[in-house]
Amino acid sequence: MSTGYVLLDVEPGSEYSVYEKASSLPFVSDAQVLFGDHDMILKVEAENMGEIAKYVVDSIRSIEGVTNTKTLACAEL
């Protein structure tokens, strides 16, 4: 099992709608709205990092209001 954290930047005023859509995705195990450099963080879990990358490209980036993403891959020790 692989875990990644996805930092999201969103259009001003779209935080609630992006949060609702992102947190309802089946591979997102946690979602939090942030104050600071980024607007939101998602914890994404999948079988491998390739699957996480696919989720980010196909599902997260396509949410209306998302302007940028940054994916942080957790080390598998």
Protein backbone atom coordinates (compact mmCIF):
# COMPACT_ATOMS: atom_id res chain seq x y z
CA MET A 1 0.00 0.00 0.00
CA SER A 2 1.32 3.44 -0.95
CA THR A 3 0.44 6.79 0.56
CA GLY A 4 0.79 10.26 -0.88
CA TYR A 5 -0.21 13.72 0.23
CA VAL A 6 -1.54 16.11 -2.39
CA LEU A 7 -1.35 19.85 -1.77
CA LEU A 8 -4.00 21.78 -3.68
CA ASP A 9 -4.28 25.40 -4.69
CA VAL A 10 -7.82 26.46 -5.54
CA GLU A 11 -9.60 29.47 -6.97
CA PRO A 12 -10.71 31.93 -4.29
CA GLY A 13 -14.23 31.13 -3.15
CA SER A 14 -14.18 27.52 -4.35
CA GLU A 15 -12.71 25.98 -1.19
CA TYR A 16 -15.98 24.45 0.01
CA SER A 17 -16.98 22.90 -3.31
CA VAL A 18 -13.48 21.52 -3.95
CA TYR A 19 -13.36 20.12 -0.41
CA GLU A 20 -16.73 18.39 -0.85
CA LYS A 21 -15.77 16.81 -4.17
CA ALA A 22 -12.22 15.84 -3.17
CA SER A 23 -13.11 14.38 0.22
CA SER A 24 -15.78 12.17 -1.37
CA LEU A 25 -13.31 10.43 -3.71
CA PRO A 26 -12.92 6.77 -2.64
CA PHE A 27 -9.10 6.86 -2.58
CA VAL A 28 -8.93 10.01 -0.39
CA SER A 29 -8.70 8.94 3.26
CA ASP A 30 -8.41 12.46 4.72
CA ALA A 31 -8.91 16.03 3.50
CA GLN A 32 -8.12 19.25 5.34
CA VAL A 33 -8.44 22.94 4.43
CA LEU A 34 -5.22 24.83 5.14
CA PHE A 35 -4.07 28.36 5.85
CA GLY A 36 -0.74 29.31 4.30
CA ASP A 37 1.01 28.53 1.02
CA HIS A 38 -1.59 25.96 -0.10
CA ASP A 39 -5.35 25.77 0.31
CA MET A 40 -5.96 22.07 0.96
CA ILE A 41 -4.20 18.77 1.62
CA LEU A 42 -5.47 15.32 0.72
CA LYS A 43 -4.19 11.98 1.97
CA VAL A 44 -4.36 9.51 -0.92
CA GLU A 45 -3.91 5.75 -0.58
CA ALA A 46 -3.48 3.19 -3.36
CA GLU A 47 -1.67 -0.02 -4.26
CA ASN A 48 1.35 1.87 -5.67
CA MET A 49 2.60 5.35 -6.54
CA GLY A 50 1.66 4.94 -10.20
CA GLU A 51 -1.96 4.52 -9.18
CA ILE A 52 -1.74 7.63 -6.98
CA ALA A 53 -0.32 9.62 -9.91
CA LYS A 54 -3.21 8.42 -12.08
CA TYR A 55 -5.74 9.48 -9.44
CA VAL A 56 -4.17 12.94 -9.22
CA VAL A 57 -4.13 13.46 -12.98
CA ASP A 58 -7.51 11.89 -13.79
CA SER A 59 -9.62 12.81 -10.77
CA ILE A 60 -8.15 15.51 -8.54
CA ARG A 61 -6.84 17.94 -11.15
CA SER A 62 -10.14 17.76 -13.01
CA ILE A 63 -12.15 19.10 -10.05
CA GLU A 64 -13.52 22.51 -10.97
CA GLY A 65 -11.67 25.19 -8.99
CA VAL A 66 -8.37 23.32 -8.61
CA THR A 67 -5.60 25.46 -10.08
CA ASN A 68 -2.46 23.55 -9.04
CA THR A 69 -1.41 20.38 -7.27
CA LYS A 70 1.79 19.15 -5.67
CA THR A 71 2.09 15.47 -4.78
CA LEU A 72 4.34 14.31 -1.94
CA ALA A 73 5.17 10.60 -2.03
CA CYS A 74 5.66 8.88 1.30
CA ALA A 75 8.78 6.74 1.65
CA GLU A 76 8.20 3.01 1.82
CA LEU A 77 10.84 1.77 4.26
